[in-house]
Amino acid sequence: MFEEFGMEYAGDVEVLVLYGATIDDAVEVLGGDAENPYPLDDNGGAPDGPSWYVEADSIASEIVAQIEANRFGYRANARIITGYDGTDEQKRELNDKFPFRWCGYTSRQVAYARDAE
């Protein structure tokens, strides 16, 4: 599906989807996770793409529960796409296939994308 752009589908994962209007509040709550206080960090910057996704199992369950209780986000299934390096071509392809529903991390060489609901 994405091979011509250097990316490959690598399975599915449950992600924590953060709401755009409350990103700062959600990031503050996420910072309380002693094991993973910066789950959205991409080499010191924010991840690429129009959405904010992070693997749910990389965050302490009580932190995920707090995010959901405060309505800062929710869990959903997403595709794992490896080989992501943030090129304009890759971003265009992800935008075409998953408009407004993807998040990429160049430092991890991974993107997460969700199908339309």
PDB file of N, CA and C in Angstrom:
ATOM      1  N   MET A   1       0.815  -1.198   0.000  1.00  0.00           N
ATOM      2  CA  MET A   1       0.000   0.000   0.000  1.00  0.00           C
ATOM      3  C   MET A   1       0.858   1.262   0.000  1.00  0.00           C
ATOM      4  N   PHE A   2       1.933   1.283   0.802  1.00  0.00           N
ATOM      5  CA  PHE A   2       2.750   2.485   0.925  1.00  0.00           C
ATOM      6  C   PHE A   2       4.194   2.261   0.494  1.00  0.00           C
ATOM      7  N   GLU A   3       4.502   1.105  -0.057  1.00  0.00           N
ATOM      8  CA  GLU A   3       5.874   0.735  -0.339  1.00  0.00           C
ATOM      9  C   GLU A   3       6.600   1.736  -1.224  1.00  0.00           C
ATOM     10  N   GLU A   4       5.910   2.309  -2.191  1.00  0.00           N
ATOM     11  CA  GLU A   4       6.583   3.248  -3.091  1.00  0.00           C
ATOM     12  C   GLU A   4       7.026   4.514  -2.369  1.00  0.00           C
ATOM     13  N   PHE A   5       6.539   4.716  -1.158  1.00  0.00           N
ATOM     14  CA  PHE A   5       6.917   5.880  -0.357  1.00  0.00           C
ATOM     15  C   PHE A   5       7.825   5.500   0.804  1.00  0.00           C
ATOM     16  N   GLY A   6       8.308   4.241   0.803  1.00  0.00           N
ATOM     17  CA  GLY A   6       9.218   3.772   1.836  1.00  0.00           C
ATOM     18  C   GLY A   6       8.546   3.382   3.140  1.00  0.00           C
ATOM     19  N   MET A   7       7.219   3.270   3.125  1.00  0.00           N
ATOM     20  CA  MET A   7       6.490   2.915   4.338  1.00  0.00           C
ATOM     21  C   MET A   7       5.856   1.547   4.166  1.00  0.00           C
ATOM     22  N   GLU A   8       5.540   0.913   5.289  1.00  0.00           N
ATOM     23  CA  GLU A   8       4.947  -0.417   5.247  1.00  0.00           C
ATOM     24  C   GLU A   8       3.951  -0.584   6.393  1.00  0.00           C
ATOM     25  N   TYR A   9       2.820  -1.199   6.083  1.00  0.00           N
ATOM     26  CA  TYR A   9       1.829  -1.525   7.103  1.00  0.00           C
ATOM     27  C   TYR A   9       2.394  -2.621   7.984  1.00  0.00           C
ATOM     28  N   ALA A  10       2.346  -2.426   9.323  1.00  0.00           N
ATOM     29  CA  ALA A  10       2.957  -3.383  10.242  1.00  0.00           C
ATOM     30  C   ALA A  10       1.981  -3.902  11.295  1.00  0.00           C
ATOM     31  N   GLY A  11       0.696  -3.787  11.045  1.00  0.00           N
ATOM     32  CA  GLY A  11      -0.279  -4.297  11.993  1.00  0.00           C
ATOM     33  C   GLY A  11      -1.124  -3.195  12.599  1.00  0.00           C
ATOM     34  N   ASP A  12      -1.881  -3.576  13.608  1.00  0.00           N
ATOM     35  CA  ASP A  12      -2.780  -2.635  14.273  1.00  0.00           C
ATOM     36  C   ASP A  12      -2.397  -2.508  15.742  1.00  0.00           C
ATOM     37  N   VAL A  13      -2.810  -1.403  16.337  1.00  0.00           N
ATOM     38  CA  VAL A  13      -2.515  -1.138  17.739  1.00  0.00           C
ATOM     39  C   VAL A  13      -3.603  -0.234  18.304  1.00  0.00           C
ATOM     40  N   GLU A  14      -3.801  -0.306  19.607  1.00  0.00           N
ATOM     41  CA  GLU A  14      -4.717   0.618  20.258  1.00  0.00           C
ATOM     42  C   GLU A  14      -3.942   1.894  20.584  1.00  0.00           C
ATOM     43  N   VAL A  15      -4.484   3.031  20.177  1.00  0.00           N
ATOM     44  CA  VAL A  15      -3.853   4.321  20.434  1.00  0.00           C
ATOM     45  C   VAL A  15      -4.733   5.168  21.339  1.00  0.00           C
ATOM     46  N   LEU A  16      -4.098   6.110  21.983  1.00  0.00           N
ATOM     47  CA  LEU A  16      -4.805   7.142  22.714  1.00  0.00           C
ATOM     48  C   LEU A  16      -4.914   8.323  21.763  1.00  0.00           C
ATOM     49  N   VAL A  17      -6.131   8.724  21.452  1.00  0.00           N
ATOM     50  CA  VAL A  17      -6.398   9.835  20.546  1.00  0.00           C
ATOM     51  C   VAL A  17      -6.670  11.058  21.410  1.00  0.00           C
ATOM     52  N   LEU A  18      -5.874  12.106  21.231  1.00  0.00           N
ATOM     53  CA  LEU A  18      -6.072  13.323  22.014  1.00  0.00           C
ATOM     54  C   LEU A  18      -6.883  14.334  21.214  1.00  0.00           C
ATOM     55  N   TYR A  19      -7.756  15.045  21.907  1.00  0.00           N
ATOM     56  CA  TYR A  19      -8.576  16.066  21.265  1.00  0.00           C
ATOM     57  C   TYR A  19      -7.751  17.328  21.052  1.00  0.00           C
ATOM     58  N   GLY A  20      -7.863  17.911  19.882  1.00  0.00           N
ATOM     59  CA  GLY A  20      -7.092  19.092  19.531  1.00  0.00           C
ATOM     60  C   GLY A  20      -7.278  20.274  20.459  1.00  0.00           C
ATOM     61  N   ALA A  21      -8.497  20.525  20.914  1.00  0.00           N
ATOM     62  CA  ALA A  21      -8.771  21.696  21.732  1.00  0.00           C
ATOM     63  C   ALA A  21      -8.182  21.581  23.130  1.00  0.00           C
ATOM     64  N   THR A  22      -7.818  20.378  23.546  1.00  0.00           N
ATOM     65  CA  THR A  22      -7.325  20.193  24.914  1.00  0.00           C
ATOM     66  C   THR A  22      -5.926  19.582  24.938  1.00  0.00           C
ATOM     67  N   ILE A  23      -5.167  19.748  23.871  1.00  0.00           N
ATOM     68  CA  ILE A  23      -3.839  19.129  23.795  1.00  0.00           C
ATOM     69  C   ILE A  23      -2.963  19.560  24.966  1.00  0.00           C
ATOM     70  N   ASP A  24      -2.912  20.851  25.278  1.00  0.00           N
ATOM     71  CA  ASP A  24      -2.056  21.313  26.368  1.00  0.00           C
ATOM     72  C   ASP A  24      -2.464  20.692  27.698  1.00  0.00           C
ATOM     73  N   ASP A  25      -3.765  20.622  27.954  1.00  0.00           N
ATOM     74  CA  ASP A  25      -4.244  19.995  29.182  1.00  0.00           C
ATOM     75  C   ASP A  25      -3.889  18.511  29.210  1.00  0.00           C
ATOM     76  N   ALA A  26      -4.068  17.838  28.085  1.00  0.00           N
ATOM     77  CA  ALA A  26      -3.757  16.413  28.012  1.00  0.00           C
ATOM     78  C   ALA A  26      -2.269  16.163  28.209  1.00  0.00           C
ATOM     79  N   VAL A  27      -1.432  16.997  27.602  1.00  0.00           N
ATOM     80  CA  VAL A  27       0.014  16.833  27.742  1.00  0.00           C
ATOM     81  C   VAL A  27       0.425  17.018  29.197  1.00  0.00           C
ATOM     82  N   GLU A  28      -0.222  17.934  29.897  1.00  0.00           N
ATOM     83  CA  GLU A  28       0.076  18.131  31.318  1.00  0.00           C
ATOM     84  C   GLU A  28      -0.258  16.868  32.120  1.00  0.00           C
ATOM     85  N   VAL A  29      -1.394  16.245  31.829  1.00  0.00           N
ATOM     86  CA  VAL A  29      -1.764  15.004  32.514  1.00  0.00           C
ATOM     87  C   VAL A  29      -0.789  13.892  32.146  1.00  0.00           C
ATOM     88  N   LEU A  30      -0.444  13.786  30.876  1.00  0.00           N
ATOM     89  CA  LEU A  30       0.482  12.746  30.426  1.00  0.00           C
ATOM     90  C   LEU A  30       1.847  12.890  31.095  1.00  0.00           C
ATOM     91  N   GLY A  31       2.243  14.135  31.405  1.00  0.00           N
ATOM     92  CA  GLY A  31       3.524  14.369  32.058  1.00  0.00           C
ATOM     93  C   GLY A  31       3.609  13.750  33.441  1.00  0.00           C
ATOM     94  N   GLY A  32       2.483  13.353  34.018  1.00  0.00           N
ATOM     95  CA  GLY A  32       2.466  12.711  35.323  1.00  0.00           C
ATOM     96  C   GLY A  32       2.852  11.247  35.287  1.00  0.00           C
ATOM     97  N   ASP A  33       3.075  10.704  34.099  1.00  0.00           N
ATOM     98  CA  ASP A  33       3.466   9.299  33.960  1.00  0.00           C
ATOM     99  C   ASP A  33       4.982   9.188  34.169  1.00  0.00           C
ATOM    100  N   ALA A  34       5.394   8.713  35.325  1.00  0.00           N
ATOM    101  CA  ALA A  34       6.817   8.646  35.658  1.00  0.00           C
ATOM    102  C   ALA A  34       7.616   7.782  34.689  1.00  0.00           C
ATOM    103  N   GLU A  35       6.988   6.753  34.130  1.00  0.00           N
ATOM    104  CA  GLU A  35       7.687   5.847  33.207  1.00  0.00           C
ATOM    105  C   GLU A  35       7.832   6.424  31.806  1.00  0.00           C
ATOM    106  N   ASN A  36       6.905   7.292  31.396  1.00  0.00           N
ATOM    107  CA  ASN A  36       6.903   7.831  30.038  1.00  0.00           C
ATOM    108  C   ASN A  36       6.299   9.245  30.062  1.00  0.00           C
ATOM    109  N   PRO A  37       7.030  10.222  30.640  1.00  0.00           N
ATOM    110  CA  PRO A  37       6.441  11.546  30.834  1.00  0.00           C
ATOM    111  C   PRO A  37       6.276  12.376  29.563  1.00  0.00           C
ATOM    112  N   TYR A  38       6.896  11.972  28.454  1.00  0.00           N
ATOM    113  CA  TYR A  38       6.807  12.736  27.197  1.00  0.00           C
ATOM    114  C   TYR A  38       6.437  11.814  26.037  1.00  0.00           C
ATOM    115  N   PRO A  39       5.280  11.190  26.074  1.00  0.00           N
ATOM    116  CA  PRO A  39       4.951  10.190  25.044  1.00  0.00           C
ATOM    117  C   PRO A  39       4.765  10.770  23.642  1.00  0.00           C
ATOM    118  N   LEU A  40       4.507  12.062  23.536  1.00  0.00           N
ATOM    119  CA  LEU A  40       4.293  12.681  22.223  1.00  0.00           C
ATOM    120  C   LEU A  40       5.546  13.344  21.683  1.00  0.00           C
ATOM    121  N   ASP A  41       6.676  13.193  22.374  1.00  0.00           N
ATOM    122  CA  ASP A  41       7.912  13.851  21.972  1.00  0.00           C
ATOM    123  C   ASP A  41       8.471  13.225  20.702  1.00  0.00           C
ATOM    124  N   ASP A  42       8.850  14.075  19.779  1.00  0.00           N
ATOM    125  CA  ASP A  42       9.470  13.621  18.533  1.00  0.00           C
ATOM    126  C   ASP A  42      10.774  14.400  18.358  1.00  0.00           C
ATOM    127  N   ASN A  43      11.812  13.942  19.034  1.00  0.00           N
ATOM    128  CA  ASN A  43      13.110  14.631  19.047  1.00  0.00           C
ATOM    129  C   ASN A  43      12.980  16.076  19.514  1.00  0.00           C
ATOM    130  N   GLY A  44      12.223  16.288  20.559  1.00  0.00           N
ATOM    131  CA  GLY A  44      12.068  17.619  21.113  1.00  0.00           C
ATOM    132  C   GLY A  44      10.941  18.428  20.514  1.00  0.00           C
ATOM    133  N   GLY A  45      10.300  17.910  19.494  1.00  0.00           N
ATOM    134  CA  GLY A  45       9.189  18.620  18.859  1.00  0.00           C
ATOM    135  C   GLY A  45       7.912  17.808  18.911  1.00  0.00           C
ATOM    136  N   ALA A  46       6.888  18.392  18.352  1.00  0.00           N
ATOM    137  CA  ALA A  46       5.592  17.713  18.282  1.00  0.00           C
ATOM    138  C   ALA A  46       5.591  16.729  17.110  1.00  0.00           C
ATOM    139  N   PRO A  47       4.752  15.702  17.178  1.00  0.00           N
ATOM    140  CA  PRO A  47       4.653  14.769  16.049  1.00  0.00           C
ATOM    141  C   PRO A  47       4.059  15.454  14.823  1.00  0.00           C
ATOM    142  N   ASP A  48       4.264  14.833  13.656  1.00  0.00           N
ATOM    143  CA  ASP A  48       3.707  15.338  12.399  1.00  0.00           C
ATOM    144  C   ASP A  48       2.255  14.923  12.256  1.00  0.00           C
ATOM    145  N   GLY A  49       1.555  15.613  11.421  1.00  0.00           N
ATOM    146  CA  GLY A  49       0.194  15.222  11.075  1.00  0.00           C
ATOM    147  C   GLY A  49      -0.858  16.023  11.803  1.00  0.00           C
ATOM    148  N   PRO A  50      -2.086  15.866  11.353  1.00  0.00           N
ATOM    149  CA  PRO A  50      -3.189  16.645  11.908  1.00  0.00           C
ATOM    150  C   PRO A  50      -3.740  16.109  13.218  1.00  0.00           C
ATOM    151  N   SER A  51      -3.351  14.900  13.613  1.00  0.00           N
ATOM    152  CA  SER A  51      -3.886  14.279  14.827  1.00  0.00           C
ATOM    153  C   SER A  51      -2.776  14.018  15.825  1.00  0.00           C
ATOM    154  N   TRP A  52      -3.158  13.749  17.059  1.00  0.00           N
ATOM    155  CA  TRP A  52      -2.205  13.437  18.126  1.00  0.00           C
ATOM    156  C   TRP A  52      -2.539  12.046  18.652  1.00  0.00           C
ATOM    157  N   TYR A  53      -1.721  11.044  18.231  1.00  0.00           N
ATOM    158  CA  TYR A  53      -1.913   9.662  18.642  1.00  0.00           C
ATOM    159  C   TYR A  53      -0.644   9.173  19.329  1.00  0.00           C
ATOM    160  N   VAL A  54      -0.840   8.321  20.319  1.00  0.00           N
ATOM    161  CA  VAL A  54       0.273   7.639  20.965  1.00  0.00           C
ATOM    162  C   VAL A  54      -0.231   6.252  21.364  1.00  0.00           C
ATOM    163  N   GLU A  55       0.643   5.254  21.306  1.00  0.00           N
ATOM    164  CA  GLU A  55       0.223   3.905  21.660  1.00  0.00           C
ATOM    165  C   GLU A  55      -0.273   3.884  23.103  1.00  0.00           C
ATOM    166  N   ALA A  56      -1.474   3.384  23.296  1.00  0.00           N
ATOM    167  CA  ALA A  56      -2.106   3.396  24.618  1.00  0.00           C
ATOM    168  C   ALA A  56      -1.322   2.575  25.632  1.00  0.00           C
ATOM    169  N   ASP A  57      -0.718   1.464  25.203  1.00  0.00           N
ATOM    170  CA  ASP A  57      -0.011   0.630  26.173  1.00  0.00           C
ATOM    171  C   ASP A  57       1.356   1.193  26.560  1.00  0.00           C
ATOM    172  N   SER A  58       1.762   2.318  25.959  1.00  0.00           N
ATOM    173  CA  SER A  58       3.018   2.960  26.350  1.00  0.00           C
ATOM    174  C   SER A  58       2.813   3.946  27.495  1.00  0.00           C
ATOM    175  N   ILE A  59       1.564   4.107  27.911  1.00  0.00           N
ATOM    176  CA  ILE A  59       1.205   5.055  28.961  1.00  0.00           C
ATOM    177  C   ILE A  59       0.576   4.275  30.113  1.00  0.00           C
ATOM    178  N   ALA A  60       0.884   4.684  31.325  1.00  0.00           N
ATOM    179  CA  ALA A  60       0.315   4.018  32.497  1.00  0.00           C
ATOM    180  C   ALA A  60      -1.207   4.044  32.419  1.00  0.00           C
ATOM    181  N   SER A  61      -1.840   2.922  32.762  1.00  0.00           N
ATOM    182  CA  SER A  61      -3.295   2.802  32.628  1.00  0.00           C
ATOM    183  C   SER A  61      -4.044   3.856  33.438  1.00  0.00           C
ATOM    184  N   GLU A  62      -3.514   4.240  34.600  1.00  0.00           N
ATOM    185  CA  GLU A  62      -4.201   5.269  35.392  1.00  0.00           C
ATOM    186  C   GLU A  62      -4.132   6.644  34.718  1.00  0.00           C
ATOM    187  N   ILE A  63      -3.067   6.889  33.949  1.00  0.00           N
ATOM    188  CA  ILE A  63      -2.951   8.150  33.211  1.00  0.00           C
ATOM    189  C   ILE A  63      -3.940   8.151  32.049  1.00  0.00           C
ATOM    190  N   VAL A  64      -4.049   7.024  31.345  1.00  0.00           N
ATOM    191  CA  VAL A  64      -5.031   6.904  30.258  1.00  0.00           C
ATOM    192  C   VAL A  64      -6.437   7.111  30.818  1.00  0.00           C
ATOM    193  N   ALA A  65      -6.717   6.505  31.962  1.00  0.00           N
ATOM    194  CA  ALA A  65      -8.037   6.655  32.579  1.00  0.00           C
ATOM    195  C   ALA A  65      -8.313   8.115  32.933  1.00  0.00           C
ATOM    196  N   GLN A  66      -7.294   8.826  33.399  1.00  0.00           N
ATOM    197  CA  GLN A  66      -7.461  10.242  33.740  1.00  0.00           C
ATOM    198  C   GLN A  66      -7.727  11.076  32.482  1.00  0.00           C
ATOM    199  N   ILE A  67      -7.032  10.777  31.402  1.00  0.00           N
ATOM    200  CA  ILE A  67      -7.261  11.480  30.122  1.00  0.00           C
ATOM    201  C   ILE A  67      -8.713  11.271  29.681  1.00  0.00           C
ATOM    202  N   GLU A  68      -9.173  10.023  29.751  1.00  0.00           N
ATOM    203  CA  GLU A  68     -10.543   9.721  29.328  1.00  0.00           C
ATOM    204  C   GLU A  68     -11.571  10.357  30.265  1.00  0.00           C
ATOM    205  N   ALA A  69     -11.320  10.309  31.551  1.00  0.00           N
ATOM    206  CA  ALA A  69     -12.266  10.876  32.520  1.00  0.00           C
ATOM    207  C   ALA A  69     -12.422  12.386  32.341  1.00  0.00           C
ATOM    208  N   ASN A  70     -11.320  13.043  31.965  1.00  0.00           N
ATOM    209  CA  ASN A  70     -11.363  14.492  31.744  1.00  0.00           C
ATOM    210  C   ASN A  70     -11.796  14.853  30.325  1.00  0.00           C
ATOM    211  N   ARG A  71     -12.106  13.837  29.536  1.00  0.00           N
ATOM    212  CA  ARG A  71     -12.527  14.006  28.135  1.00  0.00           C
ATOM    213  C   ARG A  71     -11.492  14.750  27.291  1.00  0.00           C
ATOM    214  N   PHE A  72     -10.211  14.433  27.568  1.00  0.00           N
ATOM    215  CA  PHE A  72      -9.119  14.977  26.771  1.00  0.00           C
ATOM    216  C   PHE A  72      -8.766  14.038  25.620  1.00  0.00           C
ATOM    217  N   GLY A  73      -9.325  12.828  25.639  1.00  0.00           N
ATOM    218  CA  GLY A  73      -9.017  11.862  24.603  1.00  0.00           C
ATOM    219  C   GLY A  73      -9.746  10.556  24.830  1.00  0.00           C
ATOM    220  N   TYR A  74      -9.514   9.614  23.926  1.00  0.00           N
ATOM    221  CA  TYR A  74     -10.157   8.301  23.994  1.00  0.00           C
ATOM    222  C   TYR A  74      -9.269   7.280  23.293  1.00  0.00           C
ATOM    223  N   ARG A  75      -9.532   6.012  23.541  1.00  0.00           N
ATOM    224  CA  ARG A  75      -8.795   4.931  22.888  1.00  0.00           C
ATOM    225  C   ARG A  75      -9.494   4.521  21.593  1.00  0.00           C
ATOM    226  N   ALA A  76      -8.683   4.147  20.612  1.00  0.00           N
ATOM    227  CA  ALA A  76      -9.209   3.691  19.323  1.00  0.00           C
ATOM    228  C   ALA A  76      -8.155   2.811  18.656  1.00  0.00           C
ATOM    229  N   ASN A  77      -8.574   2.039  17.675  1.00  0.00           N
ATOM    230  CA  ASN A  77      -7.642   1.218  16.914  1.00  0.00           C
ATOM    231  C   ASN A  77      -7.047   2.033  15.770  1.00  0.00           C
ATOM    232  N   ALA A  78      -5.764   1.760  15.499  1.00  0.00           N
ATOM    233  CA  ALA A  78      -5.071   2.456  14.413  1.00  0.00           C
ATOM    234  C   ALA A  78      -4.110   1.489  13.735  1.00  0.00           C
ATOM    235  N   ARG A  79      -3.742   1.837  12.522  1.00  0.00           N
ATOM    236  CA  ARG A  79      -2.730   1.075  11.789  1.00  0.00           C
ATOM    237  C   ARG A  79      -1.350   1.581  12.193  1.00  0.00           C
ATOM    238  N   ILE A  80      -0.401   0.672  12.273  1.00  0.00           N
ATOM    239  CA  ILE A  80       0.997   1.033  12.480  1.00  0.00           C
ATOM    240  C   ILE A  80       1.648   1.048  11.101  1.00  0.00           C
ATOM    241  N   ILE A  81       2.290   2.152  10.766  1.00  0.00           N
ATOM    242  CA  ILE A  81       2.972   2.278   9.484  1.00  0.00           C
ATOM    243  C   ILE A  81       4.436   2.587   9.772  1.00  0.00           C
ATOM    244  N   THR A  82       5.316   1.653   9.418  1.00  0.00           N
ATOM    245  CA  THR A  82       6.745   1.823   9.681  1.00  0.00           C
ATOM    246  C   THR A  82       7.437   2.450   8.472  1.00  0.00           C
ATOM    247  N   GLY A  83       8.647   2.934   8.692  1.00  0.00           N
ATOM    248  CA  GLY A  83       9.421   3.555   7.620  1.00  0.00           C
ATOM    249  C   GLY A  83       9.100   5.026   7.425  1.00  0.00           C
ATOM    250  N   TYR A  84       8.362   5.608   8.349  1.00  0.00           N
ATOM    251  CA  TYR A  84       7.982   7.013   8.222  1.00  0.00           C
ATOM    252  C   TYR A  84       9.178   7.904   8.555  1.00  0.00           C
ATOM    253  N   ASP A  85       9.559   8.766   7.612  1.00  0.00           N
ATOM    254  CA  ASP A  85      10.644   9.708   7.877  1.00  0.00           C
ATOM    255  C   ASP A  85      10.251  11.159   7.623  1.00  0.00           C
ATOM    256  N   GLY A  86       8.968  11.396   7.407  1.00  0.00           N
ATOM    257  CA  GLY A  86       8.467  12.756   7.334  1.00  0.00           C
ATOM    258  C   GLY A  86       8.661  13.492   6.020  1.00  0.00           C
ATOM    259  N   THR A  87       8.905  12.758   4.937  1.00  0.00           N
ATOM    260  CA  THR A  87       9.054  13.442   3.656  1.00  0.00           C
ATOM    261  C   THR A  87       7.707  14.027   3.223  1.00  0.00           C
ATOM    262  N   ASP A  88       7.773  15.015   2.380  1.00  0.00           N
ATOM    263  CA  ASP A  88       6.544  15.622   1.865  1.00  0.00           C
ATOM    264  C   ASP A  88       5.684  14.588   1.141  1.00  0.00           C
ATOM    265  N   GLU A  89       6.328  13.668   0.412  1.00  0.00           N
ATOM    266  CA  GLU A  89       5.592  12.638  -0.308  1.00  0.00           C
ATOM    267  C   GLU A  89       4.842  11.723   0.659  1.00  0.00           C
ATOM    268  N   GLN A  90       5.508  11.328   1.751  1.00  0.00           N
ATOM    269  CA  GLN A  90       4.854  10.476   2.741  1.00  0.00           C
ATOM    270  C   GLN A  90       3.674  11.206   3.388  1.00  0.00           C
ATOM    271  N   LYS A  91       3.865  12.460   3.727  1.00  0.00           N
ATOM    272  CA  LYS A  91       2.787  13.236   4.339  1.00  0.00           C
ATOM    273  C   LYS A  91       1.593  13.364   3.391  1.00  0.00           C
ATOM    274  N   ARG A  92       1.879  13.618   2.107  1.00  0.00           N
ATOM    275  CA  ARG A  92       0.782  13.705   1.125  1.00  0.00           C
ATOM    276  C   ARG A  92       0.032  12.387   1.016  1.00  0.00           C
ATOM    277  N   GLU A  93       0.767  11.287   0.995  1.00  0.00           N
ATOM    278  CA  GLU A  93       0.128   9.967   0.890  1.00  0.00           C
ATOM    279  C   GLU A  93      -0.747   9.688   2.111  1.00  0.00           C
ATOM    280  N   LEU A  94      -0.245   9.978   3.300  1.00  0.00           N
ATOM    281  CA  LEU A  94      -1.041   9.773   4.510  1.00  0.00           C
ATOM    282  C   LEU A  94      -2.257  10.693   4.531  1.00  0.00           C
ATOM    283  N   ASN A  95      -2.084  11.933   4.093  1.00  0.00           N
ATOM    284  CA  ASN A  95      -3.221  12.856   4.022  1.00  0.00           C
ATOM    285  C   ASN A  95      -4.273  12.367   3.027  1.00  0.00           C
ATOM    286  N   ASP A  96      -3.813  11.811   1.912  1.00  0.00           N
ATOM    287  CA  ASP A  96      -4.749  11.302   0.904  1.00  0.00           C
ATOM    288  C   ASP A  96      -5.528  10.089   1.414  1.00  0.00           C
ATOM    289  N   LYS A  97      -4.824   9.162   2.047  1.00  0.00           N
ATOM    290  CA  LYS A  97      -5.450   7.909   2.489  1.00  0.00           C
ATOM    291  C   LYS A  97      -6.212   8.053   3.808  1.00  0.00           C
ATOM    292  N   PHE A  98      -5.734   8.932   4.689  1.00  0.00           N
ATOM    293  CA  PHE A  98      -6.315   9.087   6.027  1.00  0.00           C
ATOM    294  C   PHE A  98      -6.467  10.572   6.384  1.00  0.00           C
ATOM    295  N   PRO A  99      -7.305  11.304   5.657  1.00  0.00           N
ATOM    296  CA  PRO A  99      -7.404  12.744   5.912  1.00  0.00           C
ATOM    297  C   PRO A  99      -7.777  13.040   7.367  1.00  0.00           C
ATOM    298  N   PHE A 100      -6.948  13.861   8.006  1.00  0.00           N
ATOM    299  CA  PHE A 100      -7.148  14.310   9.385  1.00  0.00           C
ATOM    300  C   PHE A 100      -7.078  13.180  10.411  1.00  0.00           C
ATOM    301  N   ARG A 101      -6.569  11.991  10.021  1.00  0.00           N
ATOM    302  CA  ARG A 101      -6.576  10.846  10.938  1.00  0.00           C
ATOM    303  C   ARG A 101      -5.237  10.127  10.979  1.00  0.00           C
ATOM    304  N   TRP A 102      -4.128  10.867  11.045  1.00  0.00           N
ATOM    305  CA  TRP A 102      -2.826  10.230  11.162  1.00  0.00           C
ATOM    306  C   TRP A 102      -1.886  11.089  12.004  1.00  0.00           C
ATOM    307  N   CYS A 103      -0.857  10.431  12.539  1.00  0.00           N
ATOM    308  CA  CYS A 103       0.143  11.084  13.372  1.00  0.00           C
ATOM    309  C   CYS A 103       1.471  10.381  13.126  1.00  0.00           C
ATOM    310  N   GLY A 104       2.525  11.140  12.831  1.00  0.00           N
ATOM    311  CA  GLY A 104       3.809  10.534  12.510  1.00  0.00           C
ATOM    312  C   GLY A 104       4.936  11.002  13.411  1.00  0.00           C
ATOM    313  N   TYR A 105       5.844  10.075  13.704  1.00  0.00           N
ATOM    314  CA  TYR A 105       7.014  10.346  14.537  1.00  0.00           C
ATOM    315  C   TYR A 105       8.268   9.998  13.739  1.00  0.00           C
ATOM    316  N   THR A 106       8.990  11.009  13.251  1.00  0.00           N
ATOM    317  CA  THR A 106      10.195  10.746  12.467  1.00  0.00           C
ATOM    318  C   THR A 106      11.276  10.106  13.334  1.00  0.00           C
ATOM    319  N   SER A 107      11.368  10.484  14.604  1.00  0.00           N
ATOM    320  CA  SER A 107      12.405   9.928  15.472  1.00  0.00           C
ATOM    321  C   SER A 107      12.210   8.436  15.708  1.00  0.00           C
ATOM    322  N   ARG A 108      10.971   7.966  15.611  1.00  0.00           N
ATOM    323  CA  ARG A 108      10.659   6.545  15.813  1.00  0.00           C
ATOM    324  C   ARG A 108      10.440   5.816  14.488  1.00  0.00           C
ATOM    325  N   GLN A 109      10.408   6.577  13.396  1.00  0.00           N
ATOM    326  CA  GLN A 109      10.125   6.063  12.055  1.00  0.00           C
ATOM    327  C   GLN A 109       8.824   5.287  12.007  1.00  0.00           C
ATOM    328  N   VAL A 110       7.794   5.870  12.644  1.00  0.00           N
ATOM    329  CA  VAL A 110       6.486   5.229  12.669  1.00  0.00           C
ATOM    330  C   VAL A 110       5.397   6.291  12.550  1.00  0.00           C
ATOM    331  N   ALA A 111       4.311   5.888  11.920  1.00  0.00           N
ATOM    332  CA  ALA A 111       3.102   6.717  11.873  1.00  0.00           C
ATOM    333  C   ALA A 111       1.936   5.826  12.279  1.00  0.00           C
ATOM    334  N   TYR A 112       0.910   6.467  12.826  1.00  0.00           N
ATOM    335  CA  TYR A 112      -0.319   5.774  13.191  1.00  0.00           C
ATOM    336  C   TYR A 112      -1.441   6.417  12.379  1.00  0.00           C
ATOM    337  N   ALA A 113      -2.305   5.594  11.819  1.00  0.00           N
ATOM    338  CA  ALA A 113      -3.393   6.110  10.975  1.00  0.00           C
ATOM    339  C   ALA A 113      -4.674   5.359  11.269  1.00  0.00           C
ATOM    340  N   ARG A 114      -5.766   6.102  11.241  1.00  0.00           N
ATOM    341  CA  ARG A 114      -7.079   5.514  11.522  1.00  0.00           C
ATOM    342  C   ARG A 114      -7.978   5.619  10.309  1.00  0.00           C
ATOM    343  N   ASP A 115      -8.746   4.566  10.084  1.00  0.00           N
ATOM    344  CA  ASP A 115      -9.762   4.604   9.041  1.00  0.00           C
ATOM    345  C   ASP A 115     -10.916   5.492   9.485  1.00  0.00           C
ATOM    346  N   ALA A 116     -11.705   5.947   8.516  1.00  0.00           N
ATOM    347  CA  ALA A 116     -12.890   6.765   8.841  1.00  0.00           C
ATOM    348  C   ALA A 116     -13.847   5.945   9.696  1.00  0.00           C
ATOM    349  N   GLU A 117     -14.493   6.627  10.613  1.00  0.00           N
ATOM    350  CA  GLU A 117     -15.438   5.938  11.495  1.00  0.00           C
ATOM    351  C   GLU A 117     -16.813   5.910  10.878  1.00  0.00           C
TER     352      GLU A 117
END
